[in-house]
Structure formats: C-alpha cells, structure tokens
Protein backbone atom coordinates (compact mmCIF):
# COMPACT_ATOMS: atom_id res chain seq x y z
CA MET A 1 20.15 28.23 -25.46
CA VAL A 2 22.14 28.17 -28.71
CA ALA A 3 18.97 27.64 -30.72
CA HIS A 4 17.22 30.46 -28.80
CA LEU A 5 20.07 32.91 -29.41
CA ALA A 6 20.22 31.98 -33.09
CA GLY A 7 16.53 32.78 -33.35
CA VAL A 8 17.03 36.15 -31.66
CA ARG A 9 19.96 36.93 -33.98
CA ASP A 10 17.94 36.11 -37.09
CA SER A 11 14.95 38.11 -35.87
CA VAL A 12 17.08 41.21 -35.26
CA LEU A 13 18.84 40.92 -38.61
CA ASP A 14 15.63 40.22 -40.56
CA ARG A 15 14.05 43.43 -39.31
CA ALA A 16 17.16 45.41 -40.20
CA GLU A 17 16.53 44.40 -43.84
CA LEU A 18 20.22 44.13 -44.67
CA ALA A 19 21.36 44.16 -48.28
CA ALA A 20 24.64 43.39 -50.00
CA GLY A 21 27.08 46.25 -49.62
CA ASP A 22 25.42 47.74 -46.52
CA THR A 23 27.32 49.21 -43.61
CA VAL A 24 25.91 47.84 -40.35
CA LEU A 25 26.56 49.16 -36.86
CA ASP A 26 25.99 46.61 -34.10
CA VAL A 27 25.66 48.62 -30.88
CA GLY A 28 26.69 46.73 -27.75
CA CYS A 29 28.05 43.87 -29.83
CA GLY A 30 29.16 41.80 -26.83
CA ASP A 31 30.74 38.62 -28.13
CA GLY A 32 29.49 39.31 -31.65
CA LEU A 33 26.29 37.27 -31.89
CA ILE A 34 24.49 39.79 -34.12
CA ALA A 35 27.51 41.34 -35.82
CA PHE A 36 29.02 38.08 -37.07
CA GLY A 37 25.58 37.04 -38.30
CA ALA A 38 25.42 40.24 -40.36
CA ILE A 39 28.63 39.53 -42.30
CA ASP A 40 27.11 37.01 -44.71
CA ARG A 41 24.14 39.27 -45.32
CA VAL A 42 26.15 42.34 -46.34
CA GLY A 43 28.64 40.32 -48.38
CA PRO A 44 32.24 41.13 -49.33
CA ASP A 45 31.40 44.71 -50.33
CA GLY A 46 29.68 45.48 -47.04
CA LYS A 47 31.03 46.44 -43.64
CA VAL A 48 30.10 45.52 -40.08
CA ILE A 49 31.04 47.88 -37.26
CA PHE A 50 31.39 46.18 -33.88
CA SER A 51 30.67 48.73 -31.14
CA ASP A 52 30.85 48.12 -27.40
CA VAL A 53 31.88 49.90 -24.20
CA SER A 54 34.10 46.94 -23.27
CA PRO A 55 37.58 46.79 -24.80
CA GLU A 56 37.83 43.19 -23.62
CA LEU A 57 34.77 42.13 -25.59
CA LEU A 58 35.95 44.03 -28.65
CA ALA A 59 39.27 42.19 -28.39
CA VAL A 60 37.40 38.87 -28.32
CA CYS A 61 35.45 39.83 -31.43
CA ARG A 62 38.57 41.03 -33.20
CA GLN A 63 40.32 37.74 -32.52
CA GLN A 64 37.33 35.79 -33.79
CA ALA A 65 37.27 37.92 -36.95
CA VAL A 66 40.95 37.12 -37.53
CA GLU A 67 40.39 33.40 -36.98
CA ILE A 68 37.54 33.15 -39.48
CA GLY A 69 39.18 35.49 -42.00
CA VAL A 70 36.68 38.37 -42.11
CA MET A 71 38.78 41.26 -40.84
CA ASP A 72 38.58 43.05 -44.19
CA CYS A 73 34.89 43.79 -43.66
CA CYS A 74 35.03 44.51 -39.92
CA GLU A 75 35.62 47.67 -37.92
CA PHE A 76 35.82 47.96 -34.14
CA VAL A 77 34.69 50.99 -32.13
CA GLN A 78 34.73 51.44 -28.36
CA ALA A 79 31.64 53.50 -27.55
CA SER A 80 28.50 53.53 -25.45
CA ALA A 81 25.04 53.36 -26.97
CA ASP A 82 24.31 56.93 -25.89
CA GLY A 83 27.66 58.31 -27.13
CA LEU A 84 28.54 57.05 -30.59
CA ASP A 85 30.91 59.97 -31.22
CA ALA A 86 33.33 57.83 -33.23
CA VAL A 87 30.63 57.16 -35.84
CA ALA A 88 30.00 59.93 -38.36
CA ASP A 89 26.61 61.47 -39.08
CA GLY A 90 24.61 59.61 -41.73
CA SER A 91 27.29 56.98 -42.24
CA VAL A 92 25.52 53.63 -41.68
CA ASP A 93 22.72 51.81 -43.46
CA ALA A 94 21.48 49.81 -40.49
CA ILE A 95 21.81 49.63 -36.71
CA THR A 96 21.23 46.50 -34.67
CA THR A 97 21.21 46.11 -30.91
CA ARG A 98 20.24 43.32 -28.52
CA SER A 99 19.67 43.66 -24.75
CA VAL A 100 21.78 46.81 -24.53
CA LEU A 101 19.42 49.66 -23.63
CA ILE A 102 18.62 47.94 -20.32
CA TYR A 103 22.10 49.05 -19.20
CA VAL A 104 21.74 52.70 -20.27
CA GLY A 105 20.01 55.30 -18.15
CA ASP A 106 19.32 57.83 -20.91
CA LYS A 107 17.56 55.74 -23.54
CA SER A 108 16.38 58.85 -25.37
CA ALA A 109 20.02 59.80 -25.99
CA CYS A 110 20.57 56.36 -27.53
CA PHE A 111 17.77 56.82 -30.04
CA HIS A 112 19.02 60.31 -30.92
CA GLU A 113 22.45 58.81 -31.60
CA PHE A 114 20.92 56.02 -33.68
CA TYR A 115 19.01 58.58 -35.76
CA ARG A 116 22.10 60.75 -36.21
CA VAL A 117 24.40 58.05 -37.57
CA LEU A 118 21.83 56.47 -39.91
CA ARG A 119 21.64 57.53 -43.53
CA THR A 120 18.27 58.57 -44.94
CA GLY A 121 16.46 55.30 -45.55
CA GLY A 122 18.54 53.59 -42.87
CA ARG A 123 16.98 50.95 -40.65
CA LEU A 124 17.07 50.38 -36.90
CA SER A 125 16.38 47.02 -35.22
CA VAL A 126 16.21 46.93 -31.41
CA PHE A 127 15.57 43.86 -29.23
CA GLU A 128 15.05 44.48 -25.52
CA PRO A 129 13.69 42.48 -22.59
CA ILE A 130 11.09 44.36 -20.56
CA ASN A 131 12.53 43.43 -17.20
CA GLY A 132 9.91 45.22 -15.14
CA TYR A 133 7.35 42.67 -16.26
CA PRO A 134 8.42 39.86 -13.89
CA LEU A 135 8.21 42.35 -11.04
CA TRP A 136 4.43 42.32 -11.37
CA GLU A 137 4.23 38.81 -9.96
CA ALA A 138 2.26 38.17 -6.79
CA ASP A 139 3.55 38.63 -3.28
CA ASN A 140 5.15 35.63 -1.60
CA THR A 141 7.01 34.63 -4.73
CA TYR A 142 10.76 34.40 -5.31
CA CYS A 143 11.91 34.22 -8.94
CA GLY A 144 8.54 32.76 -9.86
CA TYR A 145 8.39 30.16 -7.05
CA ASP A 146 5.74 30.17 -4.33
CA VAL A 147 7.55 30.84 -1.06
CA GLY A 148 4.53 31.56 1.13
CA PRO A 149 5.67 29.28 3.98
CA VAL A 150 9.03 31.11 4.13
CA ALA A 151 7.78 34.54 3.04
CA GLU A 152 9.68 36.40 5.76
CA LEU A 153 12.98 35.01 4.45
CA SER A 154 12.09 35.84 0.86
CA ALA A 155 11.29 39.40 1.96
CA LYS A 156 14.80 39.78 3.37
CA LEU A 157 16.33 38.73 0.07
CA THR A 158 13.99 40.90 -1.98
CA ALA A 159 14.98 43.89 0.14
CA VAL A 160 18.65 43.25 -0.70
CA TYR A 161 17.91 43.23 -4.41
CA ASP A 162 15.72 46.34 -4.13
CA ARG A 163 18.51 48.26 -2.44
CA ILE A 164 20.97 47.36 -5.17
CA GLN A 165 18.54 47.82 -8.05
CA PRO A 166 15.48 49.95 -7.20
CA SER A 167 12.83 48.87 -9.70
CA LYS A 168 11.54 52.40 -10.36
CA ALA A 169 14.98 53.97 -10.80
CA ASP A 170 17.31 51.38 -12.31
CA PRO A 171 17.81 51.45 -16.12
CA MET A 172 17.18 47.72 -16.31
CA THR A 173 13.65 47.92 -14.95
CA ASP A 174 12.42 51.53 -15.21
CA PHE A 175 10.96 51.35 -18.75
CA ASP A 176 8.52 49.43 -20.89
CA GLU A 177 7.73 49.09 -24.59
CA ARG A 178 5.83 52.40 -24.65
CA ASP A 179 8.94 54.22 -23.52
CA LEU A 180 10.88 52.70 -26.43
CA LEU A 181 8.24 53.86 -28.90
CA ARG A 182 8.19 57.33 -27.41
CA ALA A 183 11.98 57.64 -27.49
CA ALA A 184 12.17 56.50 -31.12
CA GLU A 185 9.54 58.98 -32.26
CA ARG A 186 11.03 61.87 -30.34
CA ALA A 187 14.42 61.12 -31.88
CA GLY A 188 12.95 61.77 -35.33
CA PHE A 189 11.87 58.37 -36.62
CA THR A 190 8.51 58.61 -38.40
CA GLU A 191 8.13 54.97 -39.45
CA ILE A 192 8.24 52.80 -36.34
CA HIS A 193 6.99 49.30 -35.61
CA LEU A 194 6.97 47.37 -32.35
CA GLU A 195 6.09 43.84 -31.37
CA LEU A 196 5.69 42.83 -27.75
CA ARG A 197 5.71 39.21 -26.70
CA ALA A 198 4.60 38.60 -23.14
CA ASP A 199 4.26 35.14 -21.65
CA ILE A 200 2.96 33.81 -18.36
CA GLU A 201 3.36 30.06 -18.12
CA PRO A 202 2.54 27.69 -15.24
CA GLN A 203 5.92 25.99 -15.31
CA LEU A 204 9.51 27.15 -15.01
CA PRO A 205 12.30 25.26 -16.76
CA PRO A 206 13.64 22.67 -14.28
CA THR A 207 17.25 23.32 -13.34
CA THR A 208 19.89 21.92 -11.05
CA TRP A 209 20.11 23.31 -7.56
CA GLU A 210 23.75 24.30 -8.00
CA GLY A 211 22.92 25.99 -11.27
CA PHE A 212 20.17 27.99 -9.60
CA LEU A 213 22.31 29.01 -6.62
CA ASN A 214 25.06 30.29 -8.91
CA SER A 215 22.71 32.26 -11.15
CA ALA A 216 21.37 35.76 -10.54
CA PRO A 217 17.99 37.41 -11.23
CA ASN A 218 19.84 39.58 -13.75
CA PRO A 219 23.50 40.34 -14.57
CA LEU A 220 23.72 43.36 -12.27
CA LEU A 221 22.63 41.54 -9.13
CA PRO A 222 24.49 39.09 -6.89
CA THR A 223 23.89 35.39 -7.35
CA HIS A 224 21.34 33.71 -5.11
CA ALA A 225 24.15 32.07 -3.16
CA GLU A 226 25.87 35.42 -2.61
CA ALA A 227 22.66 37.16 -1.51
CA TRP A 228 21.78 34.33 0.87
CA ALA A 229 25.25 34.32 2.43
CA ALA A 230 25.08 38.07 3.03
CA THR A 231 21.52 38.12 4.36
CA LEU A 232 20.38 34.87 5.95
CA SER A 233 21.72 33.01 8.95
CA ALA A 234 22.82 29.42 8.41
CA ASP A 235 19.55 28.15 9.89
CA GLU A 236 17.49 30.52 7.75
CA ALA A 237 19.35 29.56 4.59
CA GLU A 238 18.81 25.89 5.36
CA ARG A 239 15.09 26.42 5.91
CA PHE A 240 14.73 28.50 2.76
CA ALA A 241 16.62 25.92 0.70
CA ALA A 242 14.54 23.05 2.10
CA HIS A 243 11.39 24.74 0.78
CA LEU A 244 12.77 26.09 -2.48
CA ARG A 245 15.00 23.30 -3.76
CA PRO A 246 12.22 20.83 -4.69
CA LEU A 247 10.40 23.61 -6.56
CA VAL A 248 13.53 24.60 -8.50
CA GLU A 249 14.49 21.08 -9.44
CA SER A 250 10.97 20.21 -10.59
CA GLY A 251 10.25 23.55 -12.26
CA THR A 252 7.19 24.08 -10.09
CA GLY A 253 6.68 27.79 -10.48
CA ARG A 254 5.35 30.45 -12.82
CA HIS A 255 7.43 31.69 -15.74
CA ARG A 256 7.03 35.34 -16.74
CA LEU A 257 8.79 36.97 -19.67
CA ALA A 258 8.29 40.00 -21.90
CA ILE A 259 10.34 40.95 -24.96
CA ALA A 260 9.96 44.06 -27.13
CA HIS A 261 11.26 44.23 -30.67
CA LEU A 262 11.24 47.69 -32.24
CA TRP A 263 12.27 48.48 -35.77
CA ALA A 264 12.22 51.82 -37.55
CA THR A 265 13.31 53.59 -40.72
CA LYS A 266 14.83 57.05 -41.03
CA ARG A 267 12.84 58.94 -43.66
C-alpha cells in the first residue's frame, strides 16, 4: 500500500510540473500525502498550501510540518474543493488533488474554483477513481465474488448499499472520466489531457476474513460486518459467510478498477 500511494503521489506531482519557487495548492490534502511530497520540489523559496474541509486533518498536517521543520513554507486553509474562498484569484502556480472530487456533488464548481485561483500558465493535476466502473459487474456478484448460490442474500445487502448511496445520484459514483473532461473545459481550461486506466483481472487480492468483514465497499458505506448485522438473520449471515469466506481468503473473484488522471494548463 505504501508503495502504491508513493506511486500515486509521484504521478500527481509529475503532471503538475512543479518548479522551484512555485506556490502549490493541495486541495483535500488529507494527511498530507501529496502536499508533503511537493515541498522538496518547490524548494525553500516555494510554498505549499494544505487545504481540507477537516480541521482535524489540517491539525495533523500542521503537527507533522512542525516535527519535520518545514512550517516556513507551509500554509493551512480550511476549505472545500468547491469553495476555495480563502485563496485569492490567480495566486497559485499549481493545484493538486487526489480522490477528492468523489466527495463533492458539484464537480463543475470545483473546476471553476481551480481555474480562478490559478495564475496564467498554472497547472492542474487531478487523480480520481471512477467508482461507477465496478458497478458494471455481472449480477450475482458481491464485491467481485461470485455469490450465485446465495444470490438472494447478496441482493438484500446490495439493497442496503443502494439506499445509502444510490449509484446514479451519489457524488462518488455519478460521474466518469468524460464528465471530468467536460467540467475542466467548461471552467475555461483550453489545454487538457486525460489518461484512463481500467483493469479487469481474474483474481482479487487474497485477504483475511476479519480484514474483509471490517472493510467497506467505500468510505461512505458501512462495513460488511455492520451491513450484515443490520440486514441478515444469524442463520443467513452464517450461510453467506460459509460461501463467501473461502473466496475472500483465496482471492477467487474478479478485480475491477478504473482510475482517471486529468491534467490541464490555464492559458
């Protein structure tokens, strides 16, 4: 996981084309994966703005910046991706963001804000999972596993998730890479590039049963254990687990993933 995240960080920063002395705005900085990676690239004369809706996460980043002695080149702003009011027009050289737009309903507003705060010649680098892609999988599957023999139990669980997060209306699943391109162009960007990586593989990563039960299809949904407890009887849960556990522990399923990386320049 560490190696994967380091690769994502480097990919986002490479496409932002950072230079010494740049001011970088990391939108939805989280625990600082991208923003801290930008510090070495902009050097002592540059600045990295950590932006997030969560004051708790900003506090974590601030403490880390103190501990590693980089506070002089850091700024911290509490703001949402679609409301960067604390950032002045044309004040940053580059914007980075990773897995943030999936939480925002009005993605067009985000791109308009990105365009507004970038200087002429400024660069935007956006990395987003296309979460609707796994939803295309065949019927009688649960998280990529074939649950045909217990399909009626899987349907109960799927209905729970659909009520919480309707696939056609929830910000996490209601868009694809074409929507990102459209939003960027409508915001004013005239030089835009996008790469889509989509994978279907005949094997899921094997995992422990406890690890699977305590994970969730995505961060906004209950864990599998929570959904089962709220939906299935004890006998149903036991039957579902008896079928699913060997598949989970052996990785016998189908892995589906799509990632879009968009980068653009304000001309």
